Each structure stands twice: as C-alpha cells, then as structure tokens.
Amino acid sequence: MAEIQSQKWARLAYVHMQTPARVAKKDKMEKYGGLWMRLPYLVLTNGLSQAVAFIASKYDEQKKPEFGWVLSDLAAILGYTQNTVQTEIQSFPDTRKYALATRQVLDASIWYKRYAEGIYGLDPTNDAARGDR
C-alpha cells in the first residue's frame, strides 16, 4: 500500500522533532516548537517567501539555532538544502509552483504543531510557545 502525503509529513515531522540535538536543549526546543506553532500564521499573513525570510533573518547558529532547525525542516519539506531554501522560494518562475510550495508547508506544519504540543508539551495559548522570544 502506498503512503499518502499526510503520512510522509507526519513521519518527517516526527523524525525532526525527535532529533537528539534539538531535544537536548529544552529552552531551544520550546522555542523551536513555538516557531512551528506560529509558522502557519506567518505564512498565511505574509506569504511563504516573507515567512522564510523572517526565519532566516533571525537565525544565529550560536544564539538562536532553533531558527536554523526550522529552515532545515522547511528545506526537507520542499526538497532543498537549508542554504538554498530561501533563494529557491523567491525565484519560483510562476505562481502555481509558489502556491504548491505554500500548500506543502501548511500541510506539513499541521504535524509539526501536533508534535510540538504532544511531544514537547507546549500549550498553544501560552506566550512561551510563541517562539520569538
């Protein structure tokens, strides 16, 4: 039996959320989960390109690795590398490809949000889950 796309997103999100380097840093893990809880709102409000640009601008390997983790996850969802995901999204030749990428990110983000709540125990109504602080 073939695996449906939703199952692929669920498996990918689970693997990313369980990465030992992410789980070992509790404060960063909560911010990482919070970013995934906010990402759909960022994408729907500002568009995929602007949301990715925002995340990329906040990324600092030493101080804010959680933003890099989200970039890496987005790259895996869309089939790019972490270093090229922002450039690739901004250079889509037509709106159909951009709309498809947006839909893929939104569909996958459902699973990341679920696992952030279930695995990390984040409450979506809590300010700490906002991920930006």
N, C-alpha and C. Protein backbone atom coordinates (compact mmCIF):
# COMPACT_ATOMS: atom_id res chain seq x y z
N MET A 1 0.84 -1.17 0.00
CA MET A 1 0.00 0.00 0.00
C MET A 1 0.89 1.25 0.00
N ALA A 2 0.57 2.18 -0.83
CA ALA A 2 1.34 3.41 -0.96
C ALA A 2 1.06 4.34 0.22
N GLU A 3 2.08 5.05 0.59
CA GLU A 3 1.95 6.00 1.69
C GLU A 3 1.38 7.31 1.15
N ILE A 4 0.38 7.85 1.84
CA ILE A 4 -0.19 9.12 1.39
C ILE A 4 0.68 10.27 1.88
N GLN A 5 0.52 11.42 1.27
CA GLN A 5 1.36 12.58 1.59
C GLN A 5 1.29 12.95 3.06
N SER A 6 0.13 12.89 3.64
CA SER A 6 -0.02 13.24 5.05
C SER A 6 0.82 12.33 5.94
N GLN A 7 0.90 11.06 5.59
CA GLN A 7 1.74 10.13 6.36
C GLN A 7 3.21 10.48 6.22
N LYS A 8 3.61 10.92 5.04
CA LYS A 8 5.00 11.33 4.83
C LYS A 8 5.33 12.56 5.69
N TRP A 9 4.40 13.52 5.72
CA TRP A 9 4.62 14.72 6.54
C TRP A 9 4.71 14.34 8.01
N ALA A 10 3.83 13.45 8.45
CA ALA A 10 3.82 13.02 9.85
C ALA A 10 5.14 12.35 10.22
N ARG A 11 5.62 11.46 9.37
CA ARG A 11 6.88 10.76 9.63
C ARG A 11 8.05 11.74 9.66
N LEU A 12 8.10 12.65 8.68
CA LEU A 12 9.17 13.63 8.62
C LEU A 12 9.17 14.54 9.84
N ALA A 13 8.00 15.01 10.23
CA ALA A 13 7.89 15.88 11.41
C ALA A 13 8.32 15.14 12.67
N TYR A 14 7.92 13.89 12.79
CA TYR A 14 8.27 13.12 13.98
C TYR A 14 9.79 12.95 14.09
N VAL A 15 10.43 12.63 12.97
CA VAL A 15 11.89 12.48 12.96
C VAL A 15 12.57 13.79 13.33
N HIS A 16 12.10 14.90 12.76
CA HIS A 16 12.70 16.20 13.07
C HIS A 16 12.49 16.58 14.53
N MET A 17 11.31 16.35 15.05
CA MET A 17 11.02 16.72 16.43
C MET A 17 11.78 15.87 17.45
N GLN A 18 12.17 14.67 17.05
CA GLN A 18 12.88 13.76 17.95
C GLN A 18 14.39 13.81 17.80
N THR A 19 14.92 14.70 16.96
CA THR A 19 16.36 14.81 16.77
C THR A 19 17.03 15.09 18.11
N PRO A 20 17.99 14.26 18.51
CA PRO A 20 18.61 14.41 19.84
C PRO A 20 19.20 15.79 20.12
N ALA A 21 19.80 16.42 19.13
CA ALA A 21 20.39 17.75 19.36
C ALA A 21 19.32 18.77 19.71
N ARG A 22 18.13 18.59 19.19
CA ARG A 22 17.04 19.53 19.47
C ARG A 22 16.41 19.24 20.83
N VAL A 23 16.23 17.96 21.13
CA VAL A 23 15.57 17.57 22.37
C VAL A 23 16.47 17.85 23.58
N ALA A 24 17.79 17.82 23.38
CA ALA A 24 18.73 18.01 24.49
C ALA A 24 18.71 19.44 25.04
N LYS A 25 18.31 20.40 24.24
CA LYS A 25 18.30 21.80 24.67
C LYS A 25 16.85 22.22 24.93
N LYS A 26 16.41 22.06 26.16
CA LYS A 26 15.00 22.26 26.48
C LYS A 26 14.50 23.66 26.14
N ASP A 27 15.25 24.71 26.47
CA ASP A 27 14.78 26.06 26.19
C ASP A 27 14.68 26.30 24.69
N LYS A 28 15.65 25.79 23.93
CA LYS A 28 15.63 25.95 22.47
C LYS A 28 14.55 25.08 21.86
N MET A 29 14.32 23.92 22.45
CA MET A 29 13.30 23.00 21.97
C MET A 29 11.92 23.66 22.06
N GLU A 30 11.67 24.35 23.16
CA GLU A 30 10.38 25.01 23.33
C GLU A 30 10.21 26.14 22.31
N LYS A 31 11.28 26.87 22.06
CA LYS A 31 11.21 27.94 21.06
C LYS A 31 11.03 27.36 19.67
N TYR A 32 11.70 26.26 19.39
CA TYR A 32 11.57 25.57 18.11
C TYR A 32 10.12 25.12 17.90
N GLY A 33 9.55 24.49 18.90
CA GLY A 33 8.15 24.07 18.82
C GLY A 33 7.22 25.26 18.66
N GLY A 34 7.53 26.34 19.38
CA GLY A 34 6.72 27.56 19.28
C GLY A 34 6.79 28.18 17.89
N LEU A 35 7.95 28.10 17.27
CA LEU A 35 8.06 28.60 15.89
C LEU A 35 7.16 27.82 14.95
N TRP A 36 7.14 26.51 15.14
CA TRP A 36 6.26 25.71 14.29
C TRP A 36 4.78 25.98 14.59
N MET A 37 4.47 26.37 15.79
CA MET A 37 3.08 26.70 16.11
C MET A 37 2.69 28.03 15.46
N ARG A 38 3.64 28.91 15.29
CA ARG A 38 3.38 30.23 14.68
C ARG A 38 3.51 30.24 13.17
N LEU A 39 4.28 29.30 12.62
CA LEU A 39 4.60 29.35 11.20
C LEU A 39 3.37 29.42 10.28
N PRO A 40 2.33 28.63 10.49
CA PRO A 40 1.17 28.74 9.59
C PRO A 40 0.58 30.15 9.56
N TYR A 41 0.56 30.82 10.70
CA TYR A 41 0.02 32.18 10.76
C TYR A 41 0.94 33.15 10.01
N LEU A 42 2.24 32.96 10.16
CA LEU A 42 3.19 33.80 9.40
C LEU A 42 3.00 33.61 7.90
N VAL A 43 2.87 32.37 7.48
CA VAL A 43 2.71 32.08 6.05
C VAL A 43 1.39 32.64 5.52
N LEU A 44 0.31 32.42 6.24
CA LEU A 44 -0.99 32.90 5.78
C LEU A 44 -1.08 34.43 5.79
N THR A 45 -0.41 35.06 6.72
CA THR A 45 -0.47 36.51 6.83
C THR A 45 0.48 37.20 5.86
N ASN A 46 1.70 36.69 5.76
CA ASN A 46 2.74 37.38 4.99
C ASN A 46 3.17 36.68 3.72
N GLY A 47 2.80 35.43 3.56
CA GLY A 47 3.26 34.66 2.41
C GLY A 47 4.46 33.81 2.77
N LEU A 48 4.68 32.75 2.03
CA LEU A 48 5.76 31.82 2.31
C LEU A 48 7.12 32.48 2.20
N SER A 49 7.32 33.26 1.17
CA SER A 49 8.61 33.90 0.95
C SER A 49 8.99 34.82 2.12
N GLN A 50 8.05 35.64 2.57
CA GLN A 50 8.32 36.56 3.68
C GLN A 50 8.52 35.81 4.99
N ALA A 51 7.76 34.73 5.20
CA ALA A 51 7.91 33.94 6.42
C ALA A 51 9.29 33.30 6.48
N VAL A 52 9.74 32.76 5.36
CA VAL A 52 11.07 32.15 5.30
C VAL A 52 12.15 33.22 5.48
N ALA A 53 11.97 34.36 4.87
CA ALA A 53 12.93 35.46 5.03
C ALA A 53 13.02 35.89 6.49
N PHE A 54 11.90 35.96 7.18
CA PHE A 54 11.89 36.33 8.60
C PHE A 54 12.67 35.31 9.42
N ILE A 55 12.40 34.04 9.19
CA ILE A 55 13.09 32.98 9.93
C ILE A 55 14.59 33.02 9.64
N ALA A 56 14.94 33.19 8.37
CA ALA A 56 16.36 33.25 8.00
C ALA A 56 17.05 34.45 8.63
N SER A 57 16.35 35.57 8.74
CA SER A 57 16.96 36.77 9.31
C SER A 57 17.22 36.62 10.81
N LYS A 58 16.43 35.82 11.49
CA LYS A 58 16.59 35.61 12.93
C LYS A 58 17.63 34.54 13.27
N TYR A 59 17.99 33.73 12.28
CA TYR A 59 18.88 32.60 12.53
C TYR A 59 20.29 33.04 12.94
N ASP A 60 20.75 32.51 14.05
CA ASP A 60 22.12 32.69 14.53
C ASP A 60 22.52 31.34 15.12
N GLU A 61 23.53 30.72 14.54
CA GLU A 61 23.90 29.36 14.94
C GLU A 61 24.20 29.22 16.43
N GLN A 62 24.78 30.24 17.02
CA GLN A 62 25.15 30.18 18.44
C GLN A 62 24.00 30.58 19.36
N LYS A 63 23.32 31.67 19.04
CA LYS A 63 22.31 32.21 19.93
C LYS A 63 20.90 31.69 19.65
N LYS A 64 20.58 31.49 18.38
CA LYS A 64 19.21 31.08 18.02
C LYS A 64 19.23 29.93 17.01
N PRO A 65 19.70 28.75 17.42
CA PRO A 65 19.76 27.62 16.49
C PRO A 65 18.38 27.11 16.07
N GLU A 66 17.37 27.40 16.90
CA GLU A 66 16.03 26.91 16.58
C GLU A 66 15.51 27.45 15.25
N PHE A 67 15.93 28.65 14.87
CA PHE A 67 15.51 29.20 13.58
C PHE A 67 16.16 28.42 12.44
N GLY A 68 17.39 27.99 12.64
CA GLY A 68 18.07 27.16 11.65
C GLY A 68 17.42 25.79 11.54
N TRP A 69 16.95 25.26 12.66
CA TRP A 69 16.27 23.97 12.63
C TRP A 69 14.99 24.06 11.79
N VAL A 70 14.26 25.15 11.95
CA VAL A 70 13.03 25.33 11.16
C VAL A 70 13.38 25.49 9.69
N LEU A 71 14.42 26.25 9.39
CA LEU A 71 14.85 26.38 7.99
C LEU A 71 15.21 25.03 7.40
N SER A 72 15.92 24.24 8.17
CA SER A 72 16.31 22.91 7.73
C SER A 72 15.08 22.04 7.48
N ASP A 73 14.10 22.13 8.37
CA ASP A 73 12.85 21.38 8.20
C ASP A 73 12.10 21.82 6.94
N LEU A 74 12.02 23.14 6.73
CA LEU A 74 11.36 23.66 5.54
C LEU A 74 12.06 23.17 4.27
N ALA A 75 13.38 23.17 4.31
CA ALA A 75 14.14 22.68 3.17
C ALA A 75 13.82 21.21 2.89
N ALA A 76 13.72 20.41 3.93
CA ALA A 76 13.40 18.99 3.77
C ALA A 76 11.98 18.82 3.21
N ILE A 77 11.05 19.62 3.66
CA ILE A 77 9.68 19.54 3.17
C ILE A 77 9.62 19.85 1.68
N LEU A 78 10.36 20.86 1.27
CA LEU A 78 10.30 21.33 -0.12
C LEU A 78 11.34 20.68 -1.03
N GLY A 79 12.27 19.92 -0.45
CA GLY A 79 13.27 19.24 -1.25
C GLY A 79 14.47 20.08 -1.61
N TYR A 80 14.83 21.04 -0.78
CA TYR A 80 16.00 21.89 -0.99
C TYR A 80 16.98 21.69 0.16
N THR A 81 18.09 22.41 0.11
CA THR A 81 19.02 22.41 1.23
C THR A 81 18.73 23.64 2.09
N GLN A 82 19.22 23.62 3.32
CA GLN A 82 18.98 24.75 4.22
C GLN A 82 19.55 26.04 3.64
N ASN A 83 20.67 25.94 2.96
CA ASN A 83 21.33 27.13 2.43
C ASN A 83 20.62 27.71 1.20
N THR A 84 19.84 26.90 0.49
CA THR A 84 19.21 27.38 -0.75
C THR A 84 17.70 27.57 -0.65
N VAL A 85 17.08 27.19 0.44
CA VAL A 85 15.62 27.22 0.50
C VAL A 85 15.06 28.63 0.29
N GLN A 86 15.67 29.63 0.90
CA GLN A 86 15.15 30.99 0.75
C GLN A 86 15.29 31.47 -0.69
N THR A 87 16.43 31.24 -1.30
CA THR A 87 16.65 31.66 -2.68
C THR A 87 15.72 30.94 -3.63
N GLU A 88 15.52 29.65 -3.42
CA GLU A 88 14.65 28.86 -4.30
C GLU A 88 13.20 29.35 -4.23
N ILE A 89 12.73 29.62 -3.04
CA ILE A 89 11.34 30.09 -2.89
C ILE A 89 11.15 31.44 -3.56
N GLN A 90 12.12 32.32 -3.42
CA GLN A 90 11.99 33.65 -4.00
C GLN A 90 12.14 33.65 -5.52
N SER A 91 12.68 32.57 -6.07
CA SER A 91 12.90 32.55 -7.52
C SER A 91 11.95 31.62 -8.26
N PHE A 92 10.83 31.27 -7.64
CA PHE A 92 9.86 30.43 -8.35
C PHE A 92 9.39 31.16 -9.60
N PRO A 93 9.38 30.47 -10.75
CA PRO A 93 9.04 31.13 -12.00
C PRO A 93 7.56 31.48 -12.16
N ASP A 94 6.70 30.76 -11.49
CA ASP A 94 5.27 31.06 -11.65
C ASP A 94 4.54 30.88 -10.31
N THR A 95 3.34 31.40 -10.27
CA THR A 95 2.58 31.38 -9.02
C THR A 95 2.08 29.98 -8.67
N ARG A 96 1.93 29.11 -9.67
CA ARG A 96 1.46 27.76 -9.36
C ARG A 96 2.47 27.01 -8.49
N LYS A 97 3.74 27.14 -8.81
CA LYS A 97 4.78 26.45 -8.03
C LYS A 97 4.87 27.06 -6.63
N TYR A 98 4.74 28.37 -6.55
CA TYR A 98 4.76 29.05 -5.24
C TYR A 98 3.55 28.62 -4.40
N ALA A 99 2.39 28.54 -5.03
CA ALA A 99 1.19 28.12 -4.31
C ALA A 99 1.30 26.67 -3.85
N LEU A 100 1.90 25.81 -4.66
CA LEU A 100 2.09 24.42 -4.28
C LEU A 100 3.04 24.32 -3.09
N ALA A 101 4.14 25.07 -3.13
CA ALA A 101 5.09 25.07 -2.02
C ALA A 101 4.42 25.58 -0.74
N THR A 102 3.62 26.61 -0.86
CA THR A 102 2.89 27.14 0.30
C THR A 102 1.96 26.08 0.87
N ARG A 103 1.24 25.39 0.01
CA ARG A 103 0.31 24.34 0.46
C ARG A 103 1.07 23.21 1.14
N GLN A 104 2.23 22.83 0.60
CA GLN A 104 3.03 21.76 1.20
C GLN A 104 3.50 22.16 2.60
N VAL A 105 3.96 23.38 2.75
CA VAL A 105 4.43 23.84 4.06
C VAL A 105 3.27 23.89 5.05
N LEU A 106 2.13 24.39 4.62
CA LEU A 106 0.97 24.46 5.52
C LEU A 106 0.49 23.06 5.90
N ASP A 107 0.47 22.14 4.94
CA ASP A 107 0.04 20.77 5.24
C ASP A 107 1.01 20.09 6.20
N ALA A 108 2.30 20.26 5.98
CA ALA A 108 3.30 19.64 6.85
C ALA A 108 3.29 20.29 8.24
N SER A 109 3.03 21.59 8.29
CA SER A 109 3.08 22.30 9.58
C SER A 109 2.03 21.80 10.56
N ILE A 110 0.97 21.21 10.06
CA ILE A 110 -0.05 20.63 10.94
C ILE A 110 0.60 19.58 11.84
N TRP A 111 1.45 18.75 11.25
CA TRP A 111 2.11 17.69 12.02
C TRP A 111 3.16 18.24 12.96
N TYR A 112 3.88 19.25 12.54
CA TYR A 112 4.87 19.86 13.43
C TYR A 112 4.18 20.49 14.65
N LYS A 113 3.05 21.13 14.41
CA LYS A 113 2.29 21.73 15.52
C LYS A 113 1.78 20.65 16.46
N ARG A 114 1.25 19.57 15.90
CA ARG A 114 0.74 18.48 16.74
C ARG A 114 1.83 17.89 17.61
N TYR A 115 2.99 17.66 17.02
CA TYR A 115 4.09 17.08 17.77
C TYR A 115 4.67 18.07 18.77
N ALA A 116 4.65 19.35 18.46
CA ALA A 116 5.11 20.36 19.42
C ALA A 116 4.23 20.31 20.67
N GLU A 117 2.95 20.13 20.47
CA GLU A 117 2.04 20.03 21.60
C GLU A 117 2.18 18.68 22.31
N GLY A 118 2.24 17.61 21.53
CA GLY A 118 2.24 16.27 22.11
C GLY A 118 3.58 15.84 22.69
N ILE A 119 4.65 16.06 21.96
CA ILE A 119 5.98 15.61 22.39
C ILE A 119 6.61 16.60 23.35
N TYR A 120 6.57 17.88 23.00
CA TYR A 120 7.21 18.90 23.82
C TYR A 120 6.30 19.42 24.92
N GLY A 121 5.02 19.12 24.84
CA GLY A 121 4.09 19.56 25.86
C GLY A 121 3.79 21.05 25.84
N LEU A 122 3.91 21.67 24.65
CA LEU A 122 3.65 23.11 24.55
C LEU A 122 2.16 23.38 24.49
N ASP A 123 1.78 24.48 25.08
CA ASP A 123 0.39 24.92 25.07
C ASP A 123 0.29 26.07 24.07
N PRO A 124 -0.53 25.93 23.03
CA PRO A 124 -0.60 26.98 22.01
C PRO A 124 -1.13 28.31 22.52
N THR A 125 -1.76 28.32 23.68
CA THR A 125 -2.27 29.58 24.24
C THR A 125 -1.26 30.27 25.13
N ASN A 126 -0.13 29.63 25.38
CA ASN A 126 0.90 30.17 26.26
C ASN A 126 1.85 31.06 25.47
N ASP A 127 2.25 32.18 26.03
CA ASP A 127 3.18 33.09 25.38
C ASP A 127 4.54 32.46 25.13
N ALA A 128 4.96 31.53 25.97
CA ALA A 128 6.25 30.88 25.78
C ALA A 128 6.29 30.07 24.50
N ALA A 129 5.12 29.64 24.02
CA ALA A 129 5.05 28.86 22.79
C ALA A 129 5.13 29.72 21.55
N ARG A 130 5.21 31.03 21.72
CA ARG A 130 5.25 31.91 20.57
C ARG A 130 6.54 31.76 19.77
N GLY A 131 7.63 31.36 20.42
CA GLY A 131 8.85 31.02 19.73
C GLY A 131 9.75 32.16 19.33
N ASP A 132 9.34 33.38 19.47
CA ASP A 132 10.13 34.51 19.02
C ASP A 132 11.02 35.09 20.12
N ARG A 133 10.79 34.69 21.34
CA ARG A 133 11.47 35.33 22.46
C ARG A 133 12.65 34.54 22.93
